[in-house]
Amino acid sequence: NAGDVCPNVVTEVGGLFFIPTFIYKSSLQKYDA
């Protein structure tokens, strides 16, 4: 999974660390979790 997961992880972790909570919450909706 290294080639496929890493770019998504960078985006996800960056968001987790730096974007406001309300934006982060809406970005999680794309995963239909």
All heavy atoms as atom14 arrays in JSON, in Angstrom:
{
  "sequence": "NAGDVCPNVVTEVGGLFFIPTFIYKSSLQKYDA",
  "atom14_mask": [
    [1, 1, 1, 1, 1, 1, 1, 1, 0, 0, 0, 0, 0, 0],
    [1, 1, 1, 1, 1, 0, 0, 0, 0, 0, 0, 0, 0, 0],
    [1, 1, 1, 1, 0, 0, 0, 0, 0, 0, 0, 0, 0, 0],
    [1, 1, 1, 1, 1, 1, 1, 1, 0, 0, 0, 0, 0, 0],
    [1, 1, 1, 1, 1, 1, 1, 0, 0, 0, 0, 0, 0, 0],
    [1, 1, 1, 1, 1, 1, 0, 0, 0, 0, 0, 0, 0, 0],
    [1, 1, 1, 1, 1, 1, 1, 0, 0, 0, 0, 0, 0, 0],
    [1, 1, 1, 1, 1, 1, 1, 1, 0, 0, 0, 0, 0, 0],
    [1, 1, 1, 1, 1, 1, 1, 0, 0, 0, 0, 0, 0, 0],
    [1, 1, 1, 1, 1, 1, 1, 0, 0, 0, 0, 0, 0, 0],
    [1, 1, 1, 1, 1, 1, 1, 0, 0, 0, 0, 0, 0, 0],
    [1, 1, 1, 1, 1, 1, 1, 1, 1, 0, 0, 0, 0, 0],
    [1, 1, 1, 1, 1, 1, 1, 0, 0, 0, 0, 0, 0, 0],
    [1, 1, 1, 1, 0, 0, 0, 0, 0, 0, 0, 0, 0, 0],
    [1, 1, 1, 1, 0, 0, 0, 0, 0, 0, 0, 0, 0, 0],
    [1, 1, 1, 1, 1, 1, 1, 1, 0, 0, 0, 0, 0, 0],
    [1, 1, 1, 1, 1, 1, 1, 1, 1, 1, 1, 0, 0, 0],
    [1, 1, 1, 1, 1, 1, 1, 1, 1, 1, 1, 0, 0, 0],
    [1, 1, 1, 1, 1, 1, 1, 1, 0, 0, 0, 0, 0, 0],
    [1, 1, 1, 1, 1, 1, 1, 0, 0, 0, 0, 0, 0, 0],
    [1, 1, 1, 1, 1, 1, 1, 0, 0, 0, 0, 0, 0, 0],
    [1, 1, 1, 1, 1, 1, 1, 1, 1, 1, 1, 0, 0, 0],
    [1, 1, 1, 1, 1, 1, 1, 1, 0, 0, 0, 0, 0, 0],
    [1, 1, 1, 1, 1, 1, 1, 1, 1, 1, 1, 1, 0, 0],
    [1, 1, 1, 1, 1, 1, 1, 1, 1, 0, 0, 0, 0, 0],
    [1, 1, 1, 1, 1, 1, 0, 0, 0, 0, 0, 0, 0, 0],
    [1, 1, 1, 1, 1, 1, 0, 0, 0, 0, 0, 0, 0, 0],
    [1, 1, 1, 1, 1, 1, 1, 1, 0, 0, 0, 0, 0, 0],
    [1, 1, 1, 1, 1, 1, 1, 1, 1, 0, 0, 0, 0, 0],
    [1, 1, 1, 1, 1, 1, 1, 1, 1, 0, 0, 0, 0, 0],
    [1, 1, 1, 1, 1, 1, 1, 1, 1, 1, 1, 1, 0, 0],
    [1, 1, 1, 1, 1, 1, 1, 1, 0, 0, 0, 0, 0, 0],
    [1, 1, 1, 1, 1, 0, 0, 0, 0, 0, 0, 0, 0, 0]
  ],
  "atom14_positions": [
    [[0.79, -1.23, 0.0], [0.0, 0.0, 0.0], [0.82, 1.28, 0.0], [0.25, 2.35, -0.06], [-0.92, 0.03, 1.24], [-1.95, -1.05, 1.19], [-2.4, -1.43, 0.11], [-2.33, -1.57, 2.34], [0.0, 0.0, 0.0], [0.0, 0.0, 0.0], [0.0, 0.0, 0.0], [0.0, 0.0, 0.0], [0.0, 0.0, 0.0], [0.0, 0.0, 0.0]],
    [[2.11, 1.2, 0.08], [2.94, 2.39, 0.29], [2.73, 3.46, -0.77], [2.58, 4.63, -0.46], [4.41, 2.01, 0.36], [0.0, 0.0, 0.0], [0.0, 0.0, 0.0], [0.0, 0.0, 0.0], [0.0, 0.0, 0.0], [0.0, 0.0, 0.0], [0.0, 0.0, 0.0], [0.0, 0.0, 0.0], [0.0, 0.0, 0.0], [0.0, 0.0, 0.0]],
    [[2.67, 3.09, -2.03], [2.53, 4.08, -3.08], [1.17, 4.74, -3.11], [1.04, 5.9, -3.46], [0.0, 0.0, 0.0], [0.0, 0.0, 0.0], [0.0, 0.0, 0.0], [0.0, 0.0, 0.0], [0.0, 0.0, 0.0], [0.0, 0.0, 0.0], [0.0, 0.0, 0.0], [0.0, 0.0, 0.0], [0.0, 0.0, 0.0], [0.0, 0.0, 0.0]],
    [[0.13, 4.01, -2.74], [-1.23, 4.54, -2.81], [-1.64, 5.32, -1.56], [-2.35, 6.29, -1.64], [-2.24, 3.4, -3.01], [-2.03, 2.69, -4.33], [-1.56, 3.35, -5.28], [-2.33, 1.49, -4.41], [0.0, 0.0, 0.0], [0.0, 0.0, 0.0], [0.0, 0.0, 0.0], [0.0, 0.0, 0.0], [0.0, 0.0, 0.0], [0.0, 0.0, 0.0]],
    [[-1.2, 4.87, -0.42], [-1.67, 5.45, 0.83], [-0.94, 6.73, 1.19], [-1.54, 7.68, 1.64], [-1.56, 4.42, 1.97], [-1.91, 5.05, 3.3], [-2.46, 3.24, 1.69], [0.0, 0.0, 0.0], [0.0, 0.0, 0.0], [0.0, 0.0, 0.0], [0.0, 0.0, 0.0], [0.0, 0.0, 0.0], [0.0, 0.0, 0.0], [0.0, 0.0, 0.0]],
    [[0.35, 6.78, 0.99], [1.13, 7.91, 1.49], [0.64, 9.28, 1.05], [0.54, 10.16, 1.89], [2.61, 7.72, 1.17], [3.38, 6.48, 2.23], [0.0, 0.0, 0.0], [0.0, 0.0, 0.0], [0.0, 0.0, 0.0], [0.0, 0.0, 0.0], [0.0, 0.0, 0.0], [0.0, 0.0, 0.0], [0.0, 0.0, 0.0], [0.0, 0.0, 0.0]],
    [[0.31, 9.53, -0.21], [-0.19, 10.87, -0.56], [-1.47, 11.23, 0.19], [-1.65, 12.37, 0.62], [-0.44, 10.78, -2.07], [0.46, 9.7, -2.53], [0.51, 8.71, -1.4], [0.0, 0.0, 0.0], [0.0, 0.0, 0.0], [0.0, 0.0, 0.0], [0.0, 0.0, 0.0], [0.0, 0.0, 0.0], [0.0, 0.0, 0.0], [0.0, 0.0, 0.0]],
    [[-2.36, 10.27, 0.36], [-3.59, 10.53, 1.1], [-3.31, 10.78, 2.57], [-3.96, 11.6, 3.21], [-4.56, 9.37, 0.96], [-5.08, 9.24, -0.45], [-5.15, 10.21, -1.19], [-5.43, 8.04, -0.84], [0.0, 0.0, 0.0], [0.0, 0.0, 0.0], [0.0, 0.0, 0.0], [0.0, 0.0, 0.0], [0.0, 0.0, 0.0], [0.0, 0.0, 0.0]],
    [[-2.34, 10.07, 3.11], [-2.0, 10.26, 4.52], [-1.42, 11.65, 4.74], [-1.74, 12.31, 5.73], [-1.02, 9.16, 5.0], [-0.47, 9.48, 6.38], [-1.7, 7.82, 5.0], [0.0, 0.0, 0.0], [0.0, 0.0, 0.0], [0.0, 0.0, 0.0], [0.0, 0.0, 0.0], [0.0, 0.0, 0.0], [0.0, 0.0, 0.0], [0.0, 0.0, 0.0]],
    [[-0.59, 12.11, 3.82], [-0.02, 13.46, 3.95], [-1.13, 14.5, 3.98], [-1.14, 15.38, 4.83], [0.96, 13.75, 2.79], [1.38, 15.21, 2.78], [2.18, 12.85, 2.89], [0.0, 0.0, 0.0], [0.0, 0.0, 0.0], [0.0, 0.0, 0.0], [0.0, 0.0, 0.0], [0.0, 0.0, 0.0], [0.0, 0.0, 0.0], [0.0, 0.0, 0.0]],
    [[-2.09, 14.38, 3.1], [-3.21, 15.32, 3.06], [-4.03, 15.24, 4.34], [-4.38, 16.26, 4.93], [-4.11, 15.02, 1.85], [-3.32, 15.1, 0.67], [-5.27, 15.97, 1.77], [0.0, 0.0, 0.0], [0.0, 0.0, 0.0], [0.0, 0.0, 0.0], [0.0, 0.0, 0.0], [0.0, 0.0, 0.0], [0.0, 0.0, 0.0], [0.0, 0.0, 0.0]],
    [[-4.32, 14.02, 4.76], [-5.14, 13.82, 5.95], [-4.45, 14.36, 7.2], [-5.05, 15.06, 8.0], [-5.44, 12.33, 6.11], [-6.33, 12.0, 7.26], [-7.75, 12.47, 7.08], [-8.2, 12.62, 5.93], [-8.42, 12.7, 8.09], [0.0, 0.0, 0.0], [0.0, 0.0, 0.0], [0.0, 0.0, 0.0], [0.0, 0.0, 0.0], [0.0, 0.0, 0.0]],
    [[-3.19, 14.03, 7.37], [-2.46, 14.47, 8.57], [-2.27, 15.98, 8.54], [-2.41, 16.65, 9.57], [-1.12, 13.73, 8.71], [-0.27, 14.32, 9.82], [-1.35, 12.26, 8.97], [0.0, 0.0, 0.0], [0.0, 0.0, 0.0], [0.0, 0.0, 0.0], [0.0, 0.0, 0.0], [0.0, 0.0, 0.0], [0.0, 0.0, 0.0], [0.0, 0.0, 0.0]],
    [[-1.97, 16.53, 7.38], [-1.84, 17.98, 7.28], [-3.12, 18.69, 7.69], [-3.09, 19.68, 8.42], [0.0, 0.0, 0.0], [0.0, 0.0, 0.0], [0.0, 0.0, 0.0], [0.0, 0.0, 0.0], [0.0, 0.0, 0.0], [0.0, 0.0, 0.0], [0.0, 0.0, 0.0], [0.0, 0.0, 0.0], [0.0, 0.0, 0.0], [0.0, 0.0, 0.0]],
    [[-4.24, 18.16, 7.25], [-5.53, 18.72, 7.64], [-5.78, 18.57, 9.12], [-6.26, 19.49, 9.79], [0.0, 0.0, 0.0], [0.0, 0.0, 0.0], [0.0, 0.0, 0.0], [0.0, 0.0, 0.0], [0.0, 0.0, 0.0], [0.0, 0.0, 0.0], [0.0, 0.0, 0.0], [0.0, 0.0, 0.0], [0.0, 0.0, 0.0], [0.0, 0.0, 0.0]],
    [[-5.45, 17.42, 9.63], [-5.64, 17.16, 11.05], [-4.86, 18.15, 11.91], [-5.32, 18.6, 12.94], [-5.2, 15.72, 11.36], [-5.45, 15.16, 12.74], [-6.94, 15.1, 13.03], [-4.84, 13.78, 12.86], [0.0, 0.0, 0.0], [0.0, 0.0, 0.0], [0.0, 0.0, 0.0], [0.0, 0.0, 0.0], [0.0, 0.0, 0.0], [0.0, 0.0, 0.0]],
    [[-3.69, 18.52, 11.44], [-2.82, 19.4, 12.22], [-3.11, 20.89, 12.02], [-2.83, 21.67, 12.92], [-1.36, 19.12, 11.86], [-0.76, 17.99, 12.63], [-1.21, 16.71, 12.46], [0.26, 18.22, 13.53], [-0.66, 15.66, 13.16], [0.81, 17.18, 14.25], [0.34, 15.89, 14.06], [0.0, 0.0, 0.0], [0.0, 0.0, 0.0], [0.0, 0.0, 0.0]],
    [[-3.62, 21.29, 10.87], [-3.6, 22.72, 10.57], [-4.91, 23.36, 10.13], [-5.02, 24.58, 10.2], [-2.52, 23.02, 9.53], [-1.15, 22.7, 10.04], [-0.46, 21.6, 9.56], [-0.57, 23.46, 11.03], [0.79, 21.29, 10.05], [0.69, 23.16, 11.52], [1.37, 22.07, 11.03], [0.0, 0.0, 0.0], [0.0, 0.0, 0.0], [0.0, 0.0, 0.0]],
    [[-5.88, 22.64, 9.65], [-7.09, 23.33, 9.21], [-8.1, 23.42, 10.36], [-8.08, 22.6, 11.27], [-7.72, 22.67, 7.96], [-8.23, 21.27, 8.24], [-6.78, 22.68, 6.79], [-9.01, 20.66, 7.09], [0.0, 0.0, 0.0], [0.0, 0.0, 0.0], [0.0, 0.0, 0.0], [0.0, 0.0, 0.0], [0.0, 0.0, 0.0], [0.0, 0.0, 0.0]],
    [[-8.99, 24.4, 10.32], [-9.99, 24.54, 11.38], [-10.91, 23.31, 11.46], [-11.14, 22.63, 10.46], [-10.79, 25.77, 10.96], [-9.92, 26.51, 10.02], [-9.06, 25.48, 9.34], [0.0, 0.0, 0.0], [0.0, 0.0, 0.0], [0.0, 0.0, 0.0], [0.0, 0.0, 0.0], [0.0, 0.0, 0.0], [0.0, 0.0, 0.0], [0.0, 0.0, 0.0]],
    [[-11.44, 23.08, 12.62], [-12.24, 21.88, 12.88], [-13.44, 21.78, 11.95], [-13.73, 20.71, 11.42], [-12.69, 21.85, 14.35], [-11.53, 21.88, 15.18], [-13.5, 20.62, 14.66], [0.0, 0.0, 0.0], [0.0, 0.0, 0.0], [0.0, 0.0, 0.0], [0.0, 0.0, 0.0], [0.0, 0.0, 0.0], [0.0, 0.0, 0.0], [0.0, 0.0, 0.0]],
    [[-14.15, 22.87, 11.73], [-15.35, 22.8, 10.9], [-15.02, 22.41, 9.46], [-15.77, 21.69, 8.81], [-16.18, 24.09, 10.97], [-15.56, 25.26, 10.28], [-15.91, 25.57, 8.98], [-14.65, 26.08, 10.94], [-15.35, 26.67, 8.33], [-14.08, 27.17, 10.3], [-14.43, 27.46, 9.0], [0.0, 0.0, 0.0], [0.0, 0.0, 0.0], [0.0, 0.0, 0.0]],
    [[-13.88, 22.86, 8.95], [-13.46, 22.47, 7.6], [-13.02, 21.01, 7.59], [-13.34, 20.25, 6.68], [-12.33, 23.39, 7.09], [-12.86, 24.82, 6.94], [-11.77, 22.88, 5.76], [-11.79, 25.84, 6.61], [0.0, 0.0, 0.0], [0.0, 0.0, 0.0], [0.0, 0.0, 0.0], [0.0, 0.0, 0.0], [0.0, 0.0, 0.0], [0.0, 0.0, 0.0]],
    [[-12.28, 20.62, 8.62], [-11.82, 19.24, 8.72], [-13.0, 18.28, 8.78], [-13.0, 17.24, 8.12], [-10.91, 19.07, 9.94], [-10.31, 17.7, 10.04], [-9.32, 17.29, 9.16], [-10.75, 16.8, 10.99], [-8.78, 16.02, 9.24], [-10.22, 15.53, 11.08], [-9.23, 15.15, 10.2], [-8.69, 13.9, 10.28], [0.0, 0.0, 0.0], [0.0, 0.0, 0.0]],
    [[-14.01, 18.64, 9.55], [-15.19, 17.79, 9.67], [-15.87, 17.61, 8.31], [-16.25, 16.49, 7.95], [-16.17, 18.38, 10.68], [-17.36, 17.51, 10.94], [-18.25, 18.08, 12.03], [-19.43, 17.17, 12.3], [-20.27, 17.69, 13.37], [0.0, 0.0, 0.0], [0.0, 0.0, 0.0], [0.0, 0.0, 0.0], [0.0, 0.0, 0.0], [0.0, 0.0, 0.0]],
    [[-16.0, 18.67, 7.55], [-16.63, 18.55, 6.24], [-15.75, 17.75, 5.27], [-16.26, 17.05, 4.41], [-16.97, 19.92, 5.66], [-15.8, 20.64, 5.39], [0.0, 0.0, 0.0], [0.0, 0.0, 0.0], [0.0, 0.0, 0.0], [0.0, 0.0, 0.0], [0.0, 0.0, 0.0], [0.0, 0.0, 0.0], [0.0, 0.0, 0.0], [0.0, 0.0, 0.0]],
    [[-14.43, 17.82, 5.44], [-13.55, 17.04, 4.57], [-13.65, 15.54, 4.85], [-13.37, 14.71, 3.99], [-12.1, 17.51, 4.7], [-11.53, 17.07, 5.91], [0.0, 0.0, 0.0], [0.0, 0.0, 0.0], [0.0, 0.0, 0.0], [0.0, 0.0, 0.0], [0.0, 0.0, 0.0], [0.0, 0.0, 0.0], [0.0, 0.0, 0.0], [0.0, 0.0, 0.0]],
    [[-14.05, 15.18, 6.06], [-14.21, 13.76, 6.4], [-15.43, 13.14, 5.73], [-15.51, 11.92, 5.59], [-14.33, 13.6, 7.92], [-13.08, 13.9, 8.73], [-13.38, 13.79, 10.22], [-11.93, 12.98, 8.35], [0.0, 0.0, 0.0], [0.0, 0.0, 0.0], [0.0, 0.0, 0.0], [0.0, 0.0, 0.0], [0.0, 0.0, 0.0], [0.0, 0.0, 0.0]],
    [[-16.36, 13.94, 5.29], [-17.58, 13.42, 4.68], [-17.31, 12.66, 3.38], [-18.06, 11.78, 3.02], [-18.57, 14.55, 4.43], [-19.14, 15.11, 5.71], [-20.06, 16.29, 5.46], [-20.17, 16.79, 4.36], [-20.71, 16.74, 6.52], [0.0, 0.0, 0.0], [0.0, 0.0, 0.0], [0.0, 0.0, 0.0], [0.0, 0.0, 0.0], [0.0, 0.0, 0.0]],
    [[-16.21, 12.97, 2.71], [-15.91, 12.29, 1.45], [-15.62, 10.81, 1.66], [-15.7, 10.02, 0.72], [-14.75, 12.97, 0.73], [-13.42, 12.87, 1.44], [-12.34, 13.62, 0.71], [-11.09, 13.69, 1.56], [-10.11, 14.6, 1.0], [0.0, 0.0, 0.0], [0.0, 0.0, 0.0], [0.0, 0.0, 0.0], [0.0, 0.0, 0.0], [0.0, 0.0, 0.0]],
    [[-15.3, 10.42, 2.9], [-15.01, 9.01, 3.19], [-16.26, 8.22, 3.54], [-16.2, 7.0, 3.65], [-13.99, 8.91, 4.33], [-12.67, 9.56, 4.0], [-12.25, 10.69, 4.68], [-11.85, 9.03, 3.03], [-11.04, 11.29, 4.38], [-10.64, 9.62, 2.72], [-10.23, 10.75, 3.39], [-9.04, 11.34, 3.1], [0.0, 0.0, 0.0], [0.0, 0.0, 0.0]],
    [[-17.37, 8.88, 3.74], [-18.63, 8.23, 4.11], [-18.44, 7.29, 5.31], [-18.9, 6.15, 5.32], [-19.21, 7.47, 2.91], [-20.67, 7.14, 3.11], [-21.35, 7.88, 3.85], [-21.13, 6.13, 2.54], [0.0, 0.0, 0.0], [0.0, 0.0, 0.0], [0.0, 0.0, 0.0], [0.0, 0.0, 0.0], [0.0, 0.0, 0.0], [0.0, 0.0, 0.0]],
    [[-17.71, 7.8, 6.3], [-17.41, 7.01, 7.5], [-18.58, 7.04, 8.47], [-19.38, 7.98, 8.46], [-16.17, 7.58, 8.18], [0.0, 0.0, 0.0], [0.0, 0.0, 0.0], [0.0, 0.0, 0.0], [0.0, 0.0, 0.0], [0.0, 0.0, 0.0], [0.0, 0.0, 0.0], [0.0, 0.0, 0.0], [0.0, 0.0, 0.0], [0.0, 0.0, 0.0]]
  ]
}
